[in-house]
N, C-alpha and C. Protein backbone atom coordinates (compact mmCIF):
# COMPACT_ATOMS: atom_id res chain seq x y z
N MET A 1 180.66 -171.73 266.53
CA MET A 1 179.82 -170.19 266.47
C MET A 1 179.44 -170.34 264.84
N GLY A 2 178.15 -169.45 264.57
CA GLY A 2 177.77 -169.13 263.43
C GLY A 2 176.69 -168.11 262.85
N ALA A 3 176.30 -167.95 262.21
CA ALA A 3 176.04 -166.73 261.64
C ALA A 3 174.61 -166.51 262.01
N VAL A 4 173.77 -165.72 262.94
CA VAL A 4 172.51 -165.31 262.84
C VAL A 4 172.06 -164.44 262.04
N SER A 5 172.69 -163.33 262.19
CA SER A 5 172.47 -161.84 261.87
C SER A 5 174.02 -161.12 261.71
N THR A 6 174.01 -160.76 260.55
CA THR A 6 175.67 -160.66 260.37
C THR A 6 176.01 -159.83 258.63
N PRO A 7 175.28 -158.65 258.86
CA PRO A 7 174.93 -157.15 258.06
C PRO A 7 176.69 -156.79 257.89
N SER A 8 176.96 -156.61 256.21
CA SER A 8 177.83 -156.20 256.15
C SER A 8 178.22 -154.67 256.66
N PRO A 9 179.57 -154.36 256.69
CA PRO A 9 179.68 -152.93 257.16
C PRO A 9 179.43 -151.87 255.67
N ASP A 10 178.82 -150.68 255.69
CA ASP A 10 178.86 -149.81 254.59
C ASP A 10 180.47 -149.58 254.55
N TYR A 11 181.02 -149.15 253.45
CA TYR A 11 181.90 -148.61 252.88
C TYR A 11 182.08 -147.10 253.31
N PRO A 12 183.26 -146.70 253.69
CA PRO A 12 182.92 -145.15 254.28
C PRO A 12 182.81 -144.51 253.18
N TYR A 13 182.17 -143.15 253.21
CA TYR A 13 182.43 -142.24 252.01
C TYR A 13 184.22 -141.70 251.70
N SER A 14 184.57 -141.23 252.92
CA SER A 14 185.56 -140.61 253.06
C SER A 14 186.67 -141.22 252.19
N ALA A 15 186.66 -142.95 252.23
CA ALA A 15 187.33 -144.19 251.91
C ALA A 15 186.67 -144.22 250.55
N ARG A 16 185.91 -144.61 250.25
CA ARG A 16 185.30 -144.62 248.67
C ARG A 16 186.03 -143.86 247.84
N THR A 17 185.92 -142.30 248.14
CA THR A 17 186.09 -141.03 247.59
C THR A 17 187.63 -141.00 247.42
N ARG A 18 188.53 -141.44 248.24
CA ARG A 18 189.85 -141.28 248.33
C ARG A 18 190.64 -142.89 247.83
N ARG A 19 189.68 -143.93 247.23
CA ARG A 19 189.73 -145.27 246.76
C ARG A 19 191.03 -145.94 247.43
N ARG A 20 190.36 -145.77 248.85
CA ARG A 20 191.37 -146.77 249.78
C ARG A 20 190.43 -148.07 249.65
N GLN A 21 191.06 -149.19 250.14
CA GLN A 21 190.63 -150.39 250.19
C GLN A 21 191.89 -151.24 251.19
N GLY A 22 191.61 -152.30 251.74
CA GLY A 22 191.98 -152.88 252.84
C GLY A 22 191.24 -153.93 253.15
N LEU A 23 192.01 -154.77 254.08
CA LEU A 23 191.35 -155.67 255.25
C LEU A 23 191.93 -155.31 256.28
N VAL A 24 190.67 -155.76 257.36
CA VAL A 24 190.58 -155.42 258.85
C VAL A 24 190.51 -156.63 259.38
N LEU A 25 191.24 -157.34 259.94
CA LEU A 25 190.97 -158.22 261.09
C LEU A 25 190.11 -158.00 262.38
N ILE A 26 189.17 -158.28 262.39
CA ILE A 26 188.44 -158.08 264.01
C ILE A 26 188.77 -159.30 265.05
N ARG A 27 188.50 -159.13 266.40
CA ARG A 27 188.21 -160.05 267.22
C ARG A 27 186.87 -159.90 267.76
N LEU A 28 186.47 -160.86 267.61
CA LEU A 28 184.72 -160.52 268.25
C LEU A 28 184.93 -161.27 269.63
N ASP A 29 184.02 -160.78 270.99
CA ASP A 29 184.12 -161.52 271.96
C ASP A 29 182.41 -161.97 271.95
N VAL A 30 181.97 -163.31 271.90
CA VAL A 30 180.71 -163.15 271.82
C VAL A 30 180.36 -163.65 273.07
N GLU A 31 178.91 -163.71 273.87
CA GLU A 31 178.76 -163.98 275.10
C GLU A 31 177.56 -165.31 274.40
N ALA A 32 177.21 -166.16 275.56
CA ALA A 32 176.31 -167.44 275.43
C ALA A 32 175.12 -167.30 274.78
N ASP A 33 174.93 -165.68 274.98
CA ASP A 33 172.93 -165.97 273.99
C ASP A 33 173.65 -165.15 272.80
N GLY A 34 174.98 -165.49 272.13
CA GLY A 34 175.36 -165.02 270.55
C GLY A 34 175.58 -163.70 270.87
N ARG A 35 175.24 -162.35 271.59
CA ARG A 35 175.69 -160.91 271.74
C ARG A 35 177.15 -160.84 271.59
N VAL A 36 177.52 -159.79 270.84
CA VAL A 36 178.76 -159.89 270.43
C VAL A 36 179.39 -158.46 271.95
N SER A 37 179.84 -158.88 272.73
CA SER A 37 180.20 -157.68 274.00
C SER A 37 181.36 -156.91 273.66
N ARG A 38 182.15 -157.77 273.14
CA ARG A 38 183.38 -157.00 272.78
C ARG A 38 184.25 -156.84 271.10
N ALA A 39 184.34 -156.01 270.33
CA ALA A 39 184.90 -156.20 268.95
C ALA A 39 186.08 -155.18 269.23
N GLU A 40 187.44 -155.69 268.43
CA GLU A 40 188.53 -155.44 268.70
C GLU A 40 189.20 -155.55 267.00
N VAL A 41 190.10 -154.60 266.52
CA VAL A 41 190.63 -154.40 265.69
C VAL A 41 191.90 -155.45 265.99
N LEU A 42 192.04 -156.39 265.40
CA LEU A 42 193.93 -157.26 265.77
C LEU A 42 194.36 -156.81 264.37
N GLU A 43 194.12 -156.41 263.09
CA GLU A 43 195.13 -156.02 262.45
C GLU A 43 194.53 -155.00 261.25
N SER A 44 194.72 -153.95 261.49
CA SER A 44 194.53 -152.68 260.82
C SER A 44 194.33 -152.39 259.43
N SER A 45 193.36 -152.01 258.50
CA SER A 45 193.60 -151.79 257.00
C SER A 45 194.78 -150.99 256.71
N GLY A 46 195.10 -150.16 257.33
CA GLY A 46 195.90 -148.99 257.37
C GLY A 46 195.02 -147.46 257.30
N ASP A 47 193.43 -147.75 257.36
CA ASP A 47 192.84 -146.68 256.94
C ASP A 47 191.90 -146.58 258.29
N ALA A 48 191.74 -145.48 259.26
CA ALA A 48 190.67 -145.42 260.19
C ALA A 48 189.86 -145.73 259.88
N ALA A 49 188.57 -145.12 258.46
CA ALA A 49 187.51 -144.96 258.54
C ALA A 49 187.14 -146.75 258.18
N LEU A 50 187.92 -147.44 257.48
CA LEU A 50 187.57 -148.71 257.08
C LEU A 50 187.93 -149.57 258.28
N ASP A 51 188.57 -149.36 259.24
CA ASP A 51 188.84 -149.70 260.42
C ASP A 51 187.52 -149.72 261.75
N GLU A 52 186.80 -147.84 261.65
CA GLU A 52 185.64 -147.76 262.60
C GLU A 52 184.29 -148.73 261.87
N ALA A 53 184.20 -148.71 260.44
CA ALA A 53 183.36 -149.26 259.69
C ALA A 53 182.89 -150.65 259.88
N ALA A 54 184.06 -151.57 260.39
CA ALA A 54 184.19 -152.91 260.03
C ALA A 54 183.65 -152.97 261.54
N LEU A 55 184.40 -152.61 262.54
CA LEU A 55 184.30 -152.47 264.20
C LEU A 55 182.80 -152.28 264.29
N GLY A 56 182.19 -151.15 263.72
CA GLY A 56 180.67 -150.67 264.31
C GLY A 56 179.69 -151.52 263.58
N ALA A 57 180.06 -152.36 262.00
CA ALA A 57 179.21 -153.13 261.97
C ALA A 57 178.92 -154.43 262.53
N LEU A 58 180.19 -155.06 262.81
CA LEU A 58 180.60 -156.26 263.66
C LEU A 58 179.88 -156.30 264.56
N GLY A 59 179.92 -155.25 265.61
CA GLY A 59 179.98 -155.35 267.04
C GLY A 59 178.54 -155.11 266.96
N ARG A 60 177.67 -155.10 266.02
CA ARG A 60 176.10 -155.51 266.02
C ARG A 60 175.70 -157.00 265.51
N TRP A 61 176.60 -157.56 265.43
CA TRP A 61 176.12 -159.08 264.76
C TRP A 61 175.58 -159.65 265.87
N ARG A 62 175.20 -160.70 265.74
CA ARG A 62 174.47 -161.83 266.51
C ARG A 62 174.52 -163.29 266.11
N LEU A 63 175.27 -163.94 266.65
CA LEU A 63 175.88 -165.51 266.45
C LEU A 63 175.56 -166.44 267.05
N ARG A 64 175.71 -167.51 266.76
CA ARG A 64 175.19 -168.72 267.22
C ARG A 64 176.09 -168.99 268.05
N PRO A 65 176.35 -169.00 269.28
CA PRO A 65 177.31 -169.35 269.99
C PRO A 65 177.73 -170.56 270.00
N ALA A 66 179.30 -170.77 270.70
CA ALA A 66 179.91 -171.92 270.69
C ALA A 66 179.07 -172.50 271.99
N THR A 67 179.41 -173.99 271.44
CA THR A 67 178.69 -174.96 272.78
C THR A 67 179.60 -175.84 273.07
N GLU A 68 179.19 -176.35 274.57
CA GLU A 68 180.07 -177.14 275.22
C GLU A 68 178.90 -178.35 276.21
N GLY A 69 179.16 -179.35 275.75
CA GLY A 69 178.56 -180.67 276.21
C GLY A 69 176.96 -180.13 276.16
N GLY A 70 176.68 -179.39 274.60
CA GLY A 70 175.25 -178.83 274.11
C GLY A 70 174.40 -177.97 274.73
N ARG A 71 175.62 -176.90 275.65
CA ARG A 71 175.40 -175.63 276.26
C ARG A 71 175.70 -174.80 275.37
N PRO A 72 175.33 -173.53 275.25
CA PRO A 72 175.55 -172.24 274.85
C PRO A 72 176.79 -171.55 275.61
N VAL A 73 178.07 -171.72 275.65
CA VAL A 73 178.96 -170.99 276.20
C VAL A 73 179.47 -169.86 275.35
N ALA A 74 180.52 -168.45 276.11
CA ALA A 74 180.99 -167.75 275.75
C ALA A 74 182.12 -168.05 274.73
N GLY A 75 182.13 -167.34 273.62
CA GLY A 75 183.54 -167.71 273.13
C GLY A 75 184.33 -166.52 272.13
N ARG A 76 185.08 -166.93 271.36
CA ARG A 76 185.93 -165.80 270.80
C ARG A 76 185.91 -166.31 269.12
N VAL A 77 185.92 -165.41 268.49
CA VAL A 77 186.06 -165.69 266.60
C VAL A 77 186.74 -164.57 266.30
N GLU A 78 187.87 -164.84 265.44
CA GLU A 78 188.88 -164.03 264.23
C GLU A 78 187.86 -163.33 262.76
N VAL A 79 187.43 -162.12 262.56
CA VAL A 79 186.52 -162.14 261.08
C VAL A 79 187.51 -161.06 260.41
N PRO A 80 187.85 -161.57 259.70
CA PRO A 80 188.34 -160.68 258.38
C PRO A 80 187.73 -160.13 257.59
N VAL A 81 187.38 -158.53 257.58
CA VAL A 81 186.59 -157.79 256.55
C VAL A 81 187.59 -157.12 255.48
N ARG A 82 186.61 -157.34 254.23
CA ARG A 82 188.16 -156.76 253.04
C ARG A 82 186.85 -155.83 252.58
N PHE A 83 187.53 -154.70 252.21
CA PHE A 83 186.92 -153.67 251.63
C PHE A 83 187.28 -153.72 250.23
N ARG A 84 186.90 -153.53 249.29
CA ARG A 84 187.45 -153.41 247.59
C ARG A 84 186.35 -152.81 246.72
N LEU A 85 187.15 -151.66 246.21
CA LEU A 85 186.02 -151.01 245.04
C LEU A 85 185.90 -151.97 243.84
N GLU A 86 184.91 -151.98 243.51
CA GLU A 86 184.54 -152.39 242.45
C GLU A 86 184.34 -151.82 241.31
C-alpha cells in the first residue's frame, strides 16, 4: 500500500487551547480501489478531540491498495498520527 491522497488532520482548537498533545494509532481497512472502508482507533491519545480528528482525516484517505499476483486486493494498515504543539 502507498499514499495517493493523505491530508493531515487539523489540530482541534479545543485540544490546542488546552495544550493537549498525543499519539493516536488508527487501523484502516482499505478496499481494492484504495478507498478506506473503515477507520478504527487502536490506541487512544487520551484526548477524544485528537482521536476524532485523526479518525475523520484518515477515513477520507485514498491509498494505493495492496496487490496479490499483480491485482489490487483489500488490505489493512496501521497508521500512527502524532499531534504535537510547536
